[in-house]
Amino acid sequence: MISADPELKDKNIRVWTGDTLTAASIYHQLMALPDLASHGVYYIGANGKIGSAVVQRLVKHGVKVHICARMA
């Protein structure tokens, strides 16, 4: 929509959804915890969009993540 708009198409505009901002907020709050890398995280709800994004980012940065999930 932005690239099709004559007023906005040449602007450097970035759009984030609420899910993206929520995942980023959770990630940054967790990374601010002391001793996170040595203790890890116990994460409930990692199978949803936001949870999955947060867990993937934590693992990418070397945080040990224990996931609690229900088996179908």
PDB file of N, CA and C in Angstrom:
ATOM      1  N   MET A   1       0.818  -1.194   0.000  1.00  0.00           N
ATOM      2  CA  MET A   1       0.000   0.000   0.000  1.00  0.00           C
ATOM      3  C   MET A   1       0.865   1.264   0.000  1.00  0.00           C
ATOM      4  N   ILE A   2       1.959   1.219   0.734  1.00  0.00           N
ATOM      5  CA  ILE A   2       2.827   2.393   0.812  1.00  0.00           C
ATOM      6  C   ILE A   2       3.504   2.649  -0.532  1.00  0.00           C
ATOM      7  N   SER A   3       3.995   1.589  -1.160  1.00  0.00           N
ATOM      8  CA  SER A   3       4.688   1.771  -2.441  1.00  0.00           C
ATOM      9  C   SER A   3       3.746   2.224  -3.551  1.00  0.00           C
ATOM     10  N   ALA A   4       2.459   1.995  -3.419  1.00  0.00           N
ATOM     11  CA  ALA A   4       1.484   2.418  -4.425  1.00  0.00           C
ATOM     12  C   ALA A   4       0.990   3.849  -4.198  1.00  0.00           C
ATOM     13  N   ASP A   5       1.216   4.386  -3.029  1.00  0.00           N
ATOM     14  CA  ASP A   5       0.742   5.734  -2.705  1.00  0.00           C
ATOM     15  C   ASP A   5       1.686   6.784  -3.273  1.00  0.00           C
ATOM     16  N   PRO A   6       1.189   7.734  -4.076  1.00  0.00           N
ATOM     17  CA  PRO A   6       2.067   8.746  -4.686  1.00  0.00           C
ATOM     18  C   PRO A   6       2.773   9.643  -3.662  1.00  0.00           C
ATOM     19  N   GLU A   7       2.170   9.865  -2.510  1.00  0.00           N
ATOM     20  CA  GLU A   7       2.770  10.721  -1.474  1.00  0.00           C
ATOM     21  C   GLU A   7       3.817   9.982  -0.645  1.00  0.00           C
ATOM     22  N   LEU A   8       3.650   8.685  -0.493  1.00  0.00           N
ATOM     23  CA  LEU A   8       4.498   7.932   0.435  1.00  0.00           C
ATOM     24  C   LEU A   8       5.545   7.050  -0.238  1.00  0.00           C
ATOM     25  N   LYS A   9       5.392   6.782  -1.533  1.00  0.00           N
ATOM     26  CA  LYS A   9       6.225   5.774  -2.182  1.00  0.00           C
ATOM     27  C   LYS A   9       7.726   6.062  -2.144  1.00  0.00           C
ATOM     28  N   ASP A  10       8.128   7.309  -2.106  1.00  0.00           N
ATOM     29  CA  ASP A  10       9.555   7.618  -2.083  1.00  0.00           C
ATOM     30  C   ASP A  10      10.093   7.861  -0.669  1.00  0.00           C
ATOM     31  N   LYS A  11       9.272   7.669   0.329  1.00  0.00           N
ATOM     32  CA  LYS A  11       9.689   7.854   1.717  1.00  0.00           C
ATOM     33  C   LYS A  11      10.255   6.535   2.259  1.00  0.00           C
ATOM     34  N   ASN A  12      11.127   6.644   3.196  1.00  0.00           N
ATOM     35  CA  ASN A  12      11.685   5.459   3.834  1.00  0.00           C
ATOM     36  C   ASN A  12      10.802   5.107   5.031  1.00  0.00           C
ATOM     37  N   ILE A  13       9.705   4.427   4.767  1.00  0.00           N
ATOM     38  CA  ILE A  13       8.728   4.109   5.806  1.00  0.00           C
ATOM     39  C   ILE A  13       8.768   2.618   6.084  1.00  0.00           C
ATOM     40  N   ARG A  14       8.797   2.279   7.341  1.00  0.00           N
ATOM     41  CA  ARG A  14       8.757   0.878   7.762  1.00  0.00           C
ATOM     42  C   ARG A  14       7.493   0.668   8.573  1.00  0.00           C
ATOM     43  N   VAL A  15       6.906  -0.494   8.417  1.00  0.00           N
ATOM     44  CA  VAL A  15       5.656  -0.807   9.108  1.00  0.00           C
ATOM     45  C   VAL A  15       5.839  -2.082   9.914  1.00  0.00           C
ATOM     46  N   TRP A  16       5.464  -2.007  11.168  1.00  0.00           N
ATOM     47  CA  TRP A  16       5.486  -3.185  12.028  1.00  0.00           C
ATOM     48  C   TRP A  16       4.076  -3.450  12.524  1.00  0.00           C
ATOM     49  N   THR A  17       3.755  -4.721  12.674  1.00  0.00           N
ATOM     50  CA  THR A  17       2.454  -5.073  13.226  1.00  0.00           C
ATOM     51  C   THR A  17       2.564  -5.142  14.747  1.00  0.00           C
ATOM     52  N   GLY A  18       1.434  -5.259  15.393  1.00  0.00           N
ATOM     53  CA  GLY A  18       1.426  -5.410  16.845  1.00  0.00           C
ATOM     54  C   GLY A  18       2.160  -6.656  17.286  1.00  0.00           C
ATOM     55  N   ASP A  19       2.054  -7.742  16.500  1.00  0.00           N
ATOM     56  CA  ASP A  19       2.756  -8.976  16.839  1.00  0.00           C
ATOM     57  C   ASP A  19       4.267  -8.767  16.837  1.00  0.00           C
ATOM     58  N   THR A  20       4.765  -8.036  15.841  1.00  0.00           N
ATOM     59  CA  THR A  20       6.195  -7.783  15.745  1.00  0.00           C
ATOM     60  C   THR A  20       6.685  -6.981  16.937  1.00  0.00           C
ATOM     61  N   LEU A  21       5.952  -5.960  17.298  1.00  0.00           N
ATOM     62  CA  LEU A  21       6.350  -5.122  18.428  1.00  0.00           C
ATOM     63  C   LEU A  21       6.242  -5.873  19.749  1.00  0.00           C
ATOM     64  N   THR A  22       5.236  -6.714  19.877  1.00  0.00           N
ATOM     65  CA  THR A  22       5.081  -7.512  21.093  1.00  0.00           C
ATOM     66  C   THR A  22       6.244  -8.481  21.245  1.00  0.00           C
ATOM     67  N   ALA A  23       6.593  -9.180  20.171  1.00  0.00           N
ATOM     68  CA  ALA A  23       7.707 -10.131  20.216  1.00  0.00           C
ATOM     69  C   ALA A  23       9.012  -9.412  20.558  1.00  0.00           C
ATOM     70  N   ALA A  24       9.235  -8.260  19.957  1.00  0.00           N
ATOM     71  CA  ALA A  24      10.454  -7.494  20.236  1.00  0.00           C
ATOM     72  C   ALA A  24      10.496  -7.046  21.692  1.00  0.00           C
ATOM     73  N   SER A  25       9.371  -6.598  22.211  1.00  0.00           N
ATOM     74  CA  SER A  25       9.312  -6.153  23.598  1.00  0.00           C
ATOM     75  C   SER A  25       9.622  -7.297  24.565  1.00  0.00           C
ATOM     76  N   ILE A  26       9.028  -8.454  24.325  1.00  0.00           N
ATOM     77  CA  ILE A  26       9.272  -9.616  25.187  1.00  0.00           C
ATOM     78  C   ILE A  26      10.739 -10.021  25.123  1.00  0.00           C
ATOM     79  N   TYR A  27      11.273 -10.082  23.912  1.00  0.00           N
ATOM     80  CA  TYR A  27      12.679 -10.468  23.732  1.00  0.00           C
ATOM     81  C   TYR A  27      13.601  -9.516  24.508  1.00  0.00           C
ATOM     82  N   HIS A  28      13.413  -8.214  24.354  1.00  0.00           N
ATOM     83  CA  HIS A  28      14.289  -7.247  25.017  1.00  0.00           C
ATOM     84  C   HIS A  28      14.134  -7.292  26.533  1.00  0.00           C
ATOM     85  N   GLN A  29      12.923  -7.540  27.024  1.00  0.00           N
ATOM     86  CA  GLN A  29      12.741  -7.651  28.467  1.00  0.00           C
ATOM     87  C   GLN A  29      13.452  -8.888  29.010  1.00  0.00           C
ATOM     88  N   LEU A  30      13.378  -9.991  28.272  1.00  0.00           N
ATOM     89  CA  LEU A  30      14.062 -11.209  28.718  1.00  0.00           C
ATOM     90  C   LEU A  30      15.576 -11.037  28.669  1.00  0.00           C
ATOM     91  N   MET A  31      16.087 -10.413  27.618  1.00  0.00           N
ATOM     92  CA  MET A  31      17.532 -10.226  27.483  1.00  0.00           C
ATOM     93  C   MET A  31      18.088  -9.298  28.561  1.00  0.00           C
ATOM     94  N   ALA A  32      17.235  -8.480  29.152  1.00  0.00           N
ATOM     95  CA  ALA A  32      17.671  -7.567  30.213  1.00  0.00           C
ATOM     96  C   ALA A  32      17.799  -8.272  31.569  1.00  0.00           C
ATOM     97  N   LEU A  33      17.306  -9.494  31.669  1.00  0.00           N
ATOM     98  CA  LEU A  33      17.393 -10.223  32.936  1.00  0.00           C
ATOM     99  C   LEU A  33      18.841 -10.609  33.218  1.00  0.00           C
ATOM    100  N   PRO A  34      19.276 -10.440  34.476  1.00  0.00           N
ATOM    101  CA  PRO A  34      20.653 -10.826  34.816  1.00  0.00           C
ATOM    102  C   PRO A  34      20.813 -12.347  34.768  1.00  0.00           C
ATOM    103  N   ASP A  35      21.965 -12.808  34.346  1.00  0.00           N
ATOM    104  CA  ASP A  35      22.308 -14.234  34.300  1.00  0.00           C
ATOM    105  C   ASP A  35      21.387 -15.059  33.402  1.00  0.00           C
ATOM    106  N   LEU A  36      20.786 -14.438  32.409  1.00  0.00           N
ATOM    107  CA  LEU A  36      19.877 -15.160  31.517  1.00  0.00           C
ATOM    108  C   LEU A  36      20.609 -16.254  30.757  1.00  0.00           C
ATOM    109  N   ALA A  37      21.780 -15.951  30.244  1.00  0.00           N
ATOM    110  CA  ALA A  37      22.521 -16.919  29.434  1.00  0.00           C
ATOM    111  C   ALA A  37      22.911 -18.152  30.249  1.00  0.00           C
ATOM    112  N   SER A  38      23.225 -17.971  31.528  1.00  0.00           N
ATOM    113  CA  SER A  38      23.655 -19.118  32.334  1.00  0.00           C
ATOM    114  C   SER A  38      22.485 -19.916  32.898  1.00  0.00           C
ATOM    115  N   HIS A  39      21.322 -19.290  33.079  1.00  0.00           N
ATOM    116  CA  HIS A  39      20.181 -19.996  33.649  1.00  0.00           C
ATOM    117  C   HIS A  39      19.153 -20.435  32.610  1.00  0.00           C
ATOM    118  N   GLY A  40      19.005 -19.686  31.558  1.00  0.00           N
ATOM    119  CA  GLY A  40      18.026 -20.026  30.530  1.00  0.00           C
ATOM    120  C   GLY A  40      16.630 -19.533  30.893  1.00  0.00           C
ATOM    121  N   VAL A  41      15.665 -19.967  30.077  1.00  0.00           N
ATOM    122  CA  VAL A  41      14.282 -19.515  30.207  1.00  0.00           C
ATOM    123  C   VAL A  41      13.350 -20.723  30.124  1.00  0.00           C
ATOM    124  N   TYR A  42      12.309 -20.712  30.927  1.00  0.00           N
ATOM    125  CA  TYR A  42      11.237 -21.687  30.833  1.00  0.00           C
ATOM    126  C   TYR A  42      10.073 -20.964  30.169  1.00  0.00           C
ATOM    127  N   TYR A  43       9.738 -21.328  28.937  1.00  0.00           N
ATOM    128  CA  TYR A  43       8.786 -20.561  28.134  1.00  0.00           C
ATOM    129  C   TYR A  43       7.508 -21.357  27.900  1.00  0.00           C
ATOM    130  N   ILE A  44       6.397 -20.761  28.280  1.00  0.00           N
ATOM    131  CA  ILE A  44       5.080 -21.368  28.056  1.00  0.00           C
ATOM    132  C   ILE A  44       4.398 -20.589  26.935  1.00  0.00           C
ATOM    133  N   GLY A  45       3.904 -21.277  25.944  1.00  0.00           N
ATOM    134  CA  GLY A  45       3.210 -20.626  24.838  1.00  0.00           C
ATOM    135  C   GLY A  45       4.095 -20.396  23.629  1.00  0.00           C
ATOM    136  N   ALA A  46       5.091 -21.239  23.449  1.00  0.00           N
ATOM    137  CA  ALA A  46       6.045 -21.038  22.353  1.00  0.00           C
ATOM    138  C   ALA A  46       5.519 -21.529  21.012  1.00  0.00           C
ATOM    139  N   ASN A  47       4.338 -22.107  20.978  1.00  0.00           N
ATOM    140  CA  ASN A  47       3.831 -22.627  19.712  1.00  0.00           C
ATOM    141  C   ASN A  47       3.020 -21.595  18.924  1.00  0.00           C
ATOM    142  N   GLY A  48       2.760 -20.442  19.479  1.00  0.00           N
ATOM    143  CA  GLY A  48       2.051 -19.380  18.768  1.00  0.00           C
ATOM    144  C   GLY A  48       3.011 -18.531  17.961  1.00  0.00           C
ATOM    145  N   LYS A  49       2.472 -17.559  17.226  1.00  0.00           N
ATOM    146  CA  LYS A  49       3.306 -16.691  16.383  1.00  0.00           C
ATOM    147  C   LYS A  49       4.320 -15.908  17.204  1.00  0.00           C
ATOM    148  N   ILE A  50       3.853 -15.278  18.247  1.00  0.00           N
ATOM    149  CA  ILE A  50       4.731 -14.432  19.057  1.00  0.00           C
ATOM    150  C   ILE A  50       5.721 -15.284  19.836  1.00  0.00           C
ATOM    151  N   GLY A  51       5.233 -16.315  20.473  1.00  0.00           N
ATOM    152  CA  GLY A  51       6.106 -17.194  21.252  1.00  0.00           C
ATOM    153  C   GLY A  51       7.188 -17.833  20.413  1.00  0.00           C
ATOM    154  N   SER A  52       6.822 -18.285  19.239  1.00  0.00           N
ATOM    155  CA  SER A  52       7.777 -18.912  18.338  1.00  0.00           C
ATOM    156  C   SER A  52       8.862 -17.923  17.920  1.00  0.00           C
ATOM    157  N   ALA A  53       8.472 -16.699  17.607  1.00  0.00           N
ATOM    158  CA  ALA A  53       9.443 -15.673  17.203  1.00  0.00           C
ATOM    159  C   ALA A  53      10.400 -15.350  18.348  1.00  0.00           C
ATOM    160  N   VAL A  54       9.868 -15.234  19.553  1.00  0.00           N
ATOM    161  CA  VAL A  54      10.706 -14.909  20.716  1.00  0.00           C
ATOM    162  C   VAL A  54      11.694 -16.036  20.985  1.00  0.00           C
ATOM    163  N   VAL A  55      11.206 -17.271  20.984  1.00  0.00           N
ATOM    164  CA  VAL A  55      12.069 -18.416  21.270  1.00  0.00           C
ATOM    165  C   VAL A  55      13.168 -18.544  20.215  1.00  0.00           C
ATOM    166  N   GLN A  56      12.821 -18.393  18.952  1.00  0.00           N
ATOM    167  CA  GLN A  56      13.827 -18.481  17.892  1.00  0.00           C
ATOM    168  C   GLN A  56      14.918 -17.435  18.078  1.00  0.00           C
ATOM    169  N   ARG A  57      14.529 -16.240  18.436  1.00  0.00           N
ATOM    170  CA  ARG A  57      15.496 -15.154  18.639  1.00  0.00           C
ATOM    171  C   ARG A  57      16.383 -15.430  19.859  1.00  0.00           C
ATOM    172  N   LEU A  58      15.786 -15.936  20.943  1.00  0.00           N
ATOM    173  CA  LEU A  58      16.571 -16.251  22.137  1.00  0.00           C
ATOM    174  C   LEU A  58      17.598 -17.339  21.838  1.00  0.00           C
ATOM    175  N   VAL A  59      17.164 -18.392  21.159  1.00  0.00           N
ATOM    176  CA  VAL A  59      18.067 -19.493  20.834  1.00  0.00           C
ATOM    177  C   VAL A  59      19.191 -19.007  19.927  1.00  0.00           C
ATOM    178  N   LYS A  60      18.856 -18.155  18.970  1.00  0.00           N
ATOM    179  CA  LYS A  60      19.867 -17.605  18.061  1.00  0.00           C
ATOM    180  C   LYS A  60      20.954 -16.856  18.822  1.00  0.00           C
ATOM    181  N   HIS A  61      20.605 -16.278  19.971  1.00  0.00           N
ATOM    182  CA  HIS A  61      21.572 -15.531  20.772  1.00  0.00           C
ATOM    183  C   HIS A  61      22.120 -16.340  21.948  1.00  0.00           C
ATOM    184  N   GLY A  62      22.013 -17.660  21.855  1.00  0.00           N
ATOM    185  CA  GLY A  62      22.667 -18.544  22.815  1.00  0.00           C
ATOM    186  C   GLY A  62      21.956 -18.754  24.132  1.00  0.00           C
ATOM    187  N   VAL A  63      20.687 -18.374  24.227  1.00  0.00           N
ATOM    188  CA  VAL A  63      19.934 -18.579  25.469  1.00  0.00           C
ATOM    189  C   VAL A  63      19.308 -19.969  25.433  1.00  0.00           C
ATOM    190  N   LYS A  64      19.480 -20.713  26.518  1.00  0.00           N
ATOM    191  CA  LYS A  64      18.884 -22.038  26.624  1.00  0.00           C
ATOM    192  C   LYS A  64      17.402 -21.870  26.963  1.00  0.00           C
ATOM    193  N   VAL A  65      16.524 -22.470  26.147  1.00  0.00           N
ATOM    194  CA  VAL A  65      15.090 -22.316  26.325  1.00  0.00           C
ATOM    195  C   VAL A  65      14.445 -23.672  26.569  1.00  0.00           C
ATOM    196  N   HIS A  66      13.702 -23.773  27.664  1.00  0.00           N
ATOM    197  CA  HIS A  66      12.903 -24.957  27.978  1.00  0.00           C
ATOM    198  C   HIS A  66      11.458 -24.601  27.633  1.00  0.00           C
ATOM    199  N   ILE A  67      10.852 -25.412  26.791  1.00  0.00           N
ATOM    200  CA  ILE A  67       9.493 -25.096  26.321  1.00  0.00           C
ATOM    201  C   ILE A  67       8.491 -26.043  26.957  1.00  0.00           C
ATOM    202  N   CYS A  68       7.430 -25.461  27.484  1.00  0.00           N
ATOM    203  CA  CYS A  68       6.309 -26.238  28.016  1.00  0.00           C
ATOM    204  C   CYS A  68       5.213 -26.205  26.967  1.00  0.00           C
ATOM    205  N   ALA A  69       4.872 -27.378  26.422  1.00  0.00           N
ATOM    206  CA  ALA A  69       3.836 -27.444  25.385  1.00  0.00           C
ATOM    207  C   ALA A  69       2.978 -28.681  25.602  1.00  0.00           C
ATOM    208  N   ARG A  70       1.755 -28.594  25.188  1.00  0.00           N
ATOM    209  CA  ARG A  70       0.835 -29.721  25.286  1.00  0.00           C
ATOM    210  C   ARG A  70       0.972 -30.564  24.032  1.00  0.00           C
ATOM    211  N   MET A  71       1.073 -31.861  24.202  1.00  0.00           N
ATOM    212  CA  MET A  71       1.154 -32.785  23.058  1.00  0.00           C
ATOM    213  C   MET A  71      -0.254 -33.120  22.599  1.00  0.00           C
ATOM    214  N   ALA A  72      -0.467 -33.086  21.301  1.00  0.00           N
ATOM    215  CA  ALA A  72      -1.793 -33.391  20.748  1.00  0.00           C
ATOM    216  C   ALA A  72      -2.000 -34.866  20.596  1.00  0.00           C
TER     217      ALA A  72
END
